[in-house]
Amino acid sequence: MSEVTQDPTHYRLLNVLKAIGPYLREPQSEEGHYIFDCLSVCVNDKKSPEEREFWGWWMELDKSEEGYSAKYNIGKYNIEGKWDSLPLPKKAVSEVTRTQEAFHQKLVDELQSKFEISIQLDEESVEFV
């Protein structure tokens, strides 16, 4: 018998979100607002690890009246540890798309099965690349 919690506590929700994968930025998240990102493709793997930048995506998940709203962005994770909203080079598109779509499906499935929470794409969300 499945146990569904309609309004999960922040901590129950965090546990489920962390279990999806290494995407949750827990220190930057707070109740009702969660930050995720994925460093999909290294810009230059010949550089030392501390000097590497990555192509990828990030997403903000916010509580809404209907459930949660997901706002995706794509770009480059720079050496300062910040995201720059930039168009992806052609060589990075397929991997960024794959990781973004796989994550989104896991997120939708987990929140629906555990809490009956639906996810809507925010109108400002960058379409899957």
N, C-alpha and C. Protein backbone atom coordinates (compact mmCIF):
# COMPACT_ATOMS: atom_id res chain seq x y z
N MET A 1 0.85 -1.18 0.00
CA MET A 1 0.00 0.00 0.00
C MET A 1 0.89 1.23 0.00
N SER A 2 0.64 2.13 -0.93
CA SER A 2 1.48 3.31 -1.04
C SER A 2 0.96 4.40 -0.10
N GLU A 3 1.91 5.07 0.51
CA GLU A 3 1.56 6.14 1.44
C GLU A 3 1.83 7.47 0.75
N VAL A 4 0.76 8.21 0.45
CA VAL A 4 0.88 9.48 -0.25
C VAL A 4 0.60 10.61 0.73
N THR A 5 1.47 11.58 0.76
CA THR A 5 1.31 12.75 1.62
C THR A 5 1.01 13.94 0.72
N GLN A 6 -0.19 14.51 0.83
CA GLN A 6 -0.58 15.62 -0.04
C GLN A 6 0.31 16.84 0.15
N ASP A 7 0.50 17.27 1.38
CA ASP A 7 1.33 18.43 1.66
C ASP A 7 2.55 17.97 2.45
N PRO A 8 3.59 17.53 1.75
CA PRO A 8 4.76 17.03 2.46
C PRO A 8 5.48 18.17 3.18
N THR A 9 6.14 17.82 4.27
CA THR A 9 6.96 18.82 4.94
C THR A 9 8.16 19.14 4.05
N HIS A 10 8.80 20.22 4.34
CA HIS A 10 10.00 20.63 3.61
C HIS A 10 11.05 19.52 3.66
N TYR A 11 11.21 18.90 4.80
CA TYR A 11 12.25 17.88 4.97
C TYR A 11 11.92 16.58 4.24
N ARG A 12 10.65 16.20 4.20
CA ARG A 12 10.26 15.02 3.42
C ARG A 12 10.49 15.28 1.93
N LEU A 13 10.14 16.46 1.51
CA LEU A 13 10.34 16.83 0.10
C LEU A 13 11.83 16.86 -0.23
N LEU A 14 12.64 17.42 0.66
CA LEU A 14 14.09 17.44 0.44
C LEU A 14 14.66 16.03 0.29
N ASN A 15 14.22 15.10 1.11
CA ASN A 15 14.71 13.72 1.02
C ASN A 15 14.41 13.11 -0.33
N VAL A 16 13.23 13.34 -0.85
CA VAL A 16 12.85 12.80 -2.17
C VAL A 16 13.66 13.50 -3.26
N LEU A 17 13.80 14.81 -3.17
CA LEU A 17 14.54 15.56 -4.19
C LEU A 17 16.02 15.17 -4.21
N LYS A 18 16.61 14.93 -3.04
CA LYS A 18 18.02 14.49 -2.98
C LYS A 18 18.19 13.11 -3.59
N ALA A 19 17.20 12.25 -3.43
CA ALA A 19 17.29 10.87 -3.92
C ALA A 19 17.21 10.80 -5.45
N ILE A 20 16.71 11.83 -6.10
CA ILE A 20 16.61 11.83 -7.56
C ILE A 20 17.98 11.80 -8.20
N GLY A 21 18.95 12.41 -7.58
CA GLY A 21 20.30 12.43 -8.13
C GLY A 21 21.10 13.58 -7.58
N PRO A 22 22.26 13.81 -8.13
CA PRO A 22 23.16 14.84 -7.59
C PRO A 22 22.83 16.25 -8.08
N TYR A 23 21.57 16.54 -8.25
CA TYR A 23 21.18 17.79 -8.87
C TYR A 23 20.78 18.90 -7.89
N LEU A 24 20.28 18.54 -6.72
CA LEU A 24 19.75 19.53 -5.79
C LEU A 24 20.85 20.37 -5.17
N ARG A 25 20.69 21.68 -5.21
CA ARG A 25 21.59 22.61 -4.51
C ARG A 25 20.93 22.94 -3.18
N GLU A 26 21.08 22.02 -2.24
CA GLU A 26 20.38 22.13 -0.96
C GLU A 26 20.69 23.43 -0.20
N PRO A 27 21.95 23.86 -0.11
CA PRO A 27 22.22 25.09 0.65
C PRO A 27 21.53 26.34 0.06
N GLN A 28 21.22 26.31 -1.23
CA GLN A 28 20.58 27.47 -1.87
C GLN A 28 19.06 27.33 -1.91
N SER A 29 18.56 26.20 -1.43
CA SER A 29 17.12 25.94 -1.47
C SER A 29 16.49 26.30 -0.12
N GLU A 30 15.20 26.56 -0.17
CA GLU A 30 14.45 26.85 1.05
C GLU A 30 13.03 26.32 0.83
N GLU A 31 12.26 26.30 1.87
CA GLU A 31 10.91 25.75 1.77
C GLU A 31 10.12 26.44 0.66
N GLY A 32 9.59 25.64 -0.27
CA GLY A 32 8.81 26.16 -1.39
C GLY A 32 9.63 26.63 -2.57
N HIS A 33 10.96 26.63 -2.46
CA HIS A 33 11.84 27.09 -3.54
C HIS A 33 13.11 26.23 -3.54
N TYR A 34 13.28 25.47 -4.62
CA TYR A 34 14.39 24.52 -4.70
C TYR A 34 15.20 24.78 -5.96
N ILE A 35 16.52 24.70 -5.83
CA ILE A 35 17.44 24.96 -6.94
C ILE A 35 18.12 23.65 -7.34
N PHE A 36 18.17 23.39 -8.64
CA PHE A 36 18.82 22.21 -9.19
C PHE A 36 19.74 22.65 -10.31
N ASP A 37 20.79 21.88 -10.57
CA ASP A 37 21.59 22.11 -11.76
C ASP A 37 22.32 20.85 -12.17
N CYS A 38 22.84 20.89 -13.38
CA CYS A 38 23.56 19.74 -13.93
C CYS A 38 24.68 20.23 -14.84
N LEU A 39 25.90 19.85 -14.50
CA LEU A 39 27.07 20.18 -15.31
C LEU A 39 27.23 19.04 -16.32
N SER A 40 26.65 19.20 -17.49
CA SER A 40 26.53 18.10 -18.45
C SER A 40 27.78 17.85 -19.28
N VAL A 41 28.42 18.92 -19.77
CA VAL A 41 29.53 18.78 -20.71
C VAL A 41 30.66 19.72 -20.30
N CYS A 42 31.85 19.18 -20.14
CA CYS A 42 33.01 20.00 -19.80
C CYS A 42 33.40 20.85 -21.01
N VAL A 43 33.63 22.13 -20.78
CA VAL A 43 34.02 23.03 -21.87
C VAL A 43 35.41 22.67 -22.37
N ASN A 44 36.35 22.43 -21.45
CA ASN A 44 37.71 22.08 -21.83
C ASN A 44 38.29 21.15 -20.77
N ASP A 45 38.29 19.84 -21.05
CA ASP A 45 38.75 18.88 -20.05
C ASP A 45 40.27 18.79 -19.96
N LYS A 46 40.99 19.57 -20.74
CA LYS A 46 42.44 19.61 -20.65
C LYS A 46 42.90 20.53 -19.52
N LYS A 47 42.01 21.38 -19.04
CA LYS A 47 42.32 22.26 -17.91
C LYS A 47 42.29 21.47 -16.62
N SER A 48 42.95 21.98 -15.60
CA SER A 48 42.91 21.32 -14.29
C SER A 48 41.48 21.41 -13.75
N PRO A 49 41.08 20.44 -12.91
CA PRO A 49 39.69 20.40 -12.43
C PRO A 49 39.19 21.71 -11.83
N GLU A 50 40.03 22.41 -11.09
CA GLU A 50 39.57 23.66 -10.47
C GLU A 50 39.41 24.80 -11.46
N GLU A 51 39.86 24.64 -12.69
CA GLU A 51 39.73 25.68 -13.72
C GLU A 51 38.71 25.33 -14.79
N ARG A 52 37.97 24.24 -14.60
CA ARG A 52 37.03 23.79 -15.63
C ARG A 52 35.70 24.53 -15.56
N GLU A 53 35.13 24.71 -16.74
CA GLU A 53 33.79 25.27 -16.90
C GLU A 53 32.94 24.20 -17.59
N PHE A 54 31.61 24.33 -17.46
CA PHE A 54 30.73 23.30 -17.99
C PHE A 54 29.52 23.91 -18.68
N TRP A 55 29.05 23.19 -19.71
CA TRP A 55 27.77 23.49 -20.33
C TRP A 55 26.73 22.65 -19.60
N GLY A 56 25.57 23.22 -19.39
CA GLY A 56 24.53 22.46 -18.70
C GLY A 56 23.26 23.24 -18.52
N TRP A 57 22.52 22.88 -17.50
CA TRP A 57 21.24 23.52 -17.21
C TRP A 57 21.08 23.73 -15.71
N TRP A 58 20.19 24.64 -15.37
CA TRP A 58 19.80 24.82 -13.99
C TRP A 58 18.30 25.09 -13.96
N MET A 59 17.69 24.81 -12.81
CA MET A 59 16.25 24.92 -12.71
C MET A 59 15.85 25.38 -11.33
N GLU A 60 14.82 26.22 -11.28
CA GLU A 60 14.22 26.65 -10.02
C GLU A 60 12.83 26.03 -9.95
N LEU A 61 12.57 25.35 -8.85
CA LEU A 61 11.28 24.70 -8.62
C LEU A 61 10.57 25.47 -7.52
N ASP A 62 9.43 26.06 -7.86
CA ASP A 62 8.70 26.90 -6.90
C ASP A 62 7.29 26.38 -6.68
N LYS A 63 6.87 26.43 -5.42
CA LYS A 63 5.51 26.03 -5.07
C LYS A 63 4.53 26.99 -5.73
N SER A 64 3.47 26.41 -6.30
CA SER A 64 2.42 27.21 -6.93
C SER A 64 1.07 26.68 -6.47
N GLU A 65 0.00 27.32 -6.90
CA GLU A 65 -1.34 26.87 -6.52
C GLU A 65 -1.64 25.48 -7.06
N GLU A 66 -1.10 25.15 -8.23
CA GLU A 66 -1.39 23.86 -8.87
C GLU A 66 -0.44 22.75 -8.46
N GLY A 67 0.61 23.05 -7.76
CA GLY A 67 1.63 22.08 -7.38
C GLY A 67 2.97 22.77 -7.31
N TYR A 68 3.81 22.52 -8.34
CA TYR A 68 5.10 23.20 -8.42
C TYR A 68 5.35 23.63 -9.85
N SER A 69 6.07 24.73 -10.00
CA SER A 69 6.42 25.28 -11.30
C SER A 69 7.93 25.16 -11.50
N ALA A 70 8.34 24.62 -12.64
CA ALA A 70 9.76 24.41 -12.95
C ALA A 70 10.20 25.42 -14.00
N LYS A 71 11.23 26.17 -13.67
CA LYS A 71 11.79 27.15 -14.61
C LYS A 71 13.21 26.73 -14.96
N TYR A 72 13.41 26.25 -16.19
CA TYR A 72 14.71 25.78 -16.66
C TYR A 72 15.46 26.88 -17.39
N ASN A 73 16.78 26.83 -17.28
CA ASN A 73 17.68 27.71 -18.01
C ASN A 73 18.84 26.87 -18.51
N ILE A 74 19.48 27.30 -19.57
CA ILE A 74 20.66 26.61 -20.08
C ILE A 74 21.80 27.60 -20.18
N GLY A 75 23.03 27.09 -20.17
CA GLY A 75 24.17 27.98 -20.30
C GLY A 75 25.45 27.33 -19.84
N LYS A 76 26.35 28.21 -19.38
CA LYS A 76 27.69 27.77 -18.97
C LYS A 76 27.89 28.06 -17.49
N TYR A 77 28.40 27.04 -16.79
CA TYR A 77 28.79 27.18 -15.39
C TYR A 77 30.24 27.63 -15.40
N ASN A 78 30.47 28.87 -14.99
CA ASN A 78 31.80 29.46 -15.15
C ASN A 78 32.75 29.14 -14.00
N ILE A 79 33.96 29.59 -14.15
CA ILE A 79 35.03 29.30 -13.19
C ILE A 79 34.75 29.90 -11.81
N GLU A 80 33.92 30.95 -11.76
CA GLU A 80 33.55 31.58 -10.49
C GLU A 80 32.46 30.79 -9.77
N GLY A 81 31.95 29.74 -10.41
CA GLY A 81 30.89 28.95 -9.80
C GLY A 81 29.51 29.55 -9.97
N LYS A 82 29.31 30.28 -11.06
CA LYS A 82 28.02 30.91 -11.35
C LYS A 82 27.58 30.51 -12.76
N TRP A 83 26.28 30.54 -12.97
CA TRP A 83 25.72 30.21 -14.27
C TRP A 83 25.60 31.47 -15.13
N ASP A 84 26.02 31.34 -16.40
CA ASP A 84 25.83 32.38 -17.41
C ASP A 84 24.81 31.84 -18.40
N SER A 85 23.74 32.57 -18.62
CA SER A 85 22.73 32.15 -19.58
C SER A 85 23.26 32.41 -20.99
N LEU A 86 23.68 31.33 -21.65
CA LEU A 86 24.30 31.42 -22.98
C LEU A 86 23.76 30.31 -23.87
N PRO A 87 23.72 30.54 -25.19
CA PRO A 87 23.35 29.45 -26.09
C PRO A 87 24.42 28.36 -26.06
N LEU A 88 23.98 27.12 -26.18
CA LEU A 88 24.91 26.00 -26.15
C LEU A 88 25.58 25.80 -27.50
N PRO A 89 26.84 25.37 -27.50
CA PRO A 89 27.47 24.98 -28.76
C PRO A 89 26.83 23.68 -29.25
N LYS A 90 26.83 23.47 -30.55
CA LYS A 90 26.19 22.29 -31.12
C LYS A 90 26.67 20.99 -30.50
N LYS A 91 27.97 20.91 -30.18
CA LYS A 91 28.51 19.65 -29.64
C LYS A 91 27.98 19.32 -28.24
N ALA A 92 27.41 20.29 -27.53
CA ALA A 92 26.91 20.06 -26.18
C ALA A 92 25.40 19.84 -26.12
N VAL A 93 24.70 20.17 -27.18
CA VAL A 93 23.23 20.16 -27.15
C VAL A 93 22.65 18.79 -26.80
N SER A 94 23.10 17.72 -27.44
CA SER A 94 22.46 16.42 -27.21
C SER A 94 22.65 15.93 -25.77
N GLU A 95 23.82 16.13 -25.19
CA GLU A 95 24.05 15.67 -23.82
C GLU A 95 23.28 16.51 -22.80
N VAL A 96 23.25 17.82 -23.01
CA VAL A 96 22.49 18.68 -22.10
C VAL A 96 21.01 18.33 -22.19
N THR A 97 20.52 18.12 -23.39
CA THR A 97 19.12 17.74 -23.58
C THR A 97 18.82 16.41 -22.89
N ARG A 98 19.69 15.44 -23.07
CA ARG A 98 19.50 14.12 -22.47
C ARG A 98 19.41 14.21 -20.96
N THR A 99 20.35 14.92 -20.33
CA THR A 99 20.36 15.00 -18.87
C THR A 99 19.16 15.79 -18.35
N GLN A 100 18.79 16.84 -19.07
CA GLN A 100 17.66 17.67 -18.66
C GLN A 100 16.34 16.88 -18.75
N GLU A 101 16.14 16.20 -19.83
CA GLU A 101 14.91 15.43 -20.00
C GLU A 101 14.83 14.26 -19.03
N ALA A 102 15.94 13.57 -18.81
CA ALA A 102 15.96 12.45 -17.86
C ALA A 102 15.65 12.94 -16.45
N PHE A 103 16.26 14.05 -16.05
CA PHE A 103 16.00 14.60 -14.73
C PHE A 103 14.54 15.00 -14.59
N HIS A 104 14.02 15.71 -15.59
CA HIS A 104 12.64 16.20 -15.51
C HIS A 104 11.66 15.03 -15.36
N GLN A 105 11.89 13.97 -16.10
CA GLN A 105 10.99 12.81 -16.00
C GLN A 105 11.06 12.18 -14.61
N LYS A 106 12.28 12.05 -14.06
CA LYS A 106 12.43 11.51 -12.69
C LYS A 106 11.70 12.40 -11.68
N LEU A 107 11.87 13.71 -11.83
CA LEU A 107 11.24 14.67 -10.92
C LEU A 107 9.73 14.53 -10.97
N VAL A 108 9.16 14.54 -12.16
CA VAL A 108 7.71 14.41 -12.33
C VAL A 108 7.22 13.09 -11.72
N ASP A 109 7.89 11.99 -12.06
CA ASP A 109 7.48 10.67 -11.56
C ASP A 109 7.54 10.58 -10.04
N GLU A 110 8.63 11.03 -9.46
CA GLU A 110 8.80 10.92 -8.00
C GLU A 110 7.80 11.79 -7.23
N LEU A 111 7.63 13.03 -7.65
CA LEU A 111 6.71 13.90 -6.91
C LEU A 111 5.26 13.45 -7.09
N GLN A 112 4.95 12.90 -8.25
CA GLN A 112 3.59 12.40 -8.46
C GLN A 112 3.34 11.14 -7.63
N SER A 113 4.28 10.20 -7.67
CA SER A 113 4.05 8.93 -6.96
C SER A 113 4.14 9.08 -5.45
N LYS A 114 5.03 9.92 -4.95
CA LYS A 114 5.21 10.04 -3.50
C LYS A 114 4.20 11.01 -2.85
N PHE A 115 3.86 12.09 -3.57
CA PHE A 115 3.06 13.14 -2.95
C PHE A 115 1.85 13.60 -3.77
N GLU A 116 1.66 13.00 -4.96
CA GLU A 116 0.61 13.45 -5.88
C GLU A 116 0.75 14.93 -6.20
N ILE A 117 1.98 15.36 -6.38
CA ILE A 117 2.29 16.75 -6.73
C ILE A 117 2.57 16.80 -8.23
N SER A 118 1.94 17.77 -8.90
CA SER A 118 2.18 17.91 -10.34
C SER A 118 3.21 19.03 -10.58
N ILE A 119 3.93 18.89 -11.69
CA ILE A 119 4.94 19.87 -12.09
C ILE A 119 4.49 20.52 -13.40
N GLN A 120 4.48 21.83 -13.41
CA GLN A 120 4.18 22.59 -14.63
C GLN A 120 5.44 23.33 -15.04
N LEU A 121 5.67 23.46 -16.35
CA LEU A 121 6.78 24.29 -16.80
C LEU A 121 6.39 25.74 -16.70
N ASP A 122 7.24 26.54 -16.11
CA ASP A 122 7.03 27.98 -15.99
C ASP A 122 7.00 28.59 -17.38
N GLU A 123 6.18 29.62 -17.56
CA GLU A 123 6.10 30.27 -18.89
C GLU A 123 7.40 30.91 -19.32
N GLU A 124 8.28 31.24 -18.38
CA GLU A 124 9.59 31.82 -18.71
C GLU A 124 10.67 30.76 -18.85
N SER A 125 10.30 29.50 -18.67
CA SER A 125 11.27 28.42 -18.75
C SER A 125 11.84 28.30 -20.15
N VAL A 126 13.15 28.07 -20.24
CA VAL A 126 13.77 27.83 -21.52
C VAL A 126 13.34 26.44 -21.96
N GLU A 127 12.82 26.35 -23.17
CA GLU A 127 12.40 25.05 -23.69
C GLU A 127 13.57 24.08 -23.66
N PHE A 128 13.24 22.80 -23.54
CA PHE A 128 14.30 21.81 -23.63
C PHE A 128 15.04 22.09 -24.92
N VAL A 129 16.36 22.07 -24.86
CA VAL A 129 17.19 22.43 -26.00
C VAL A 129 17.10 21.44 -27.05
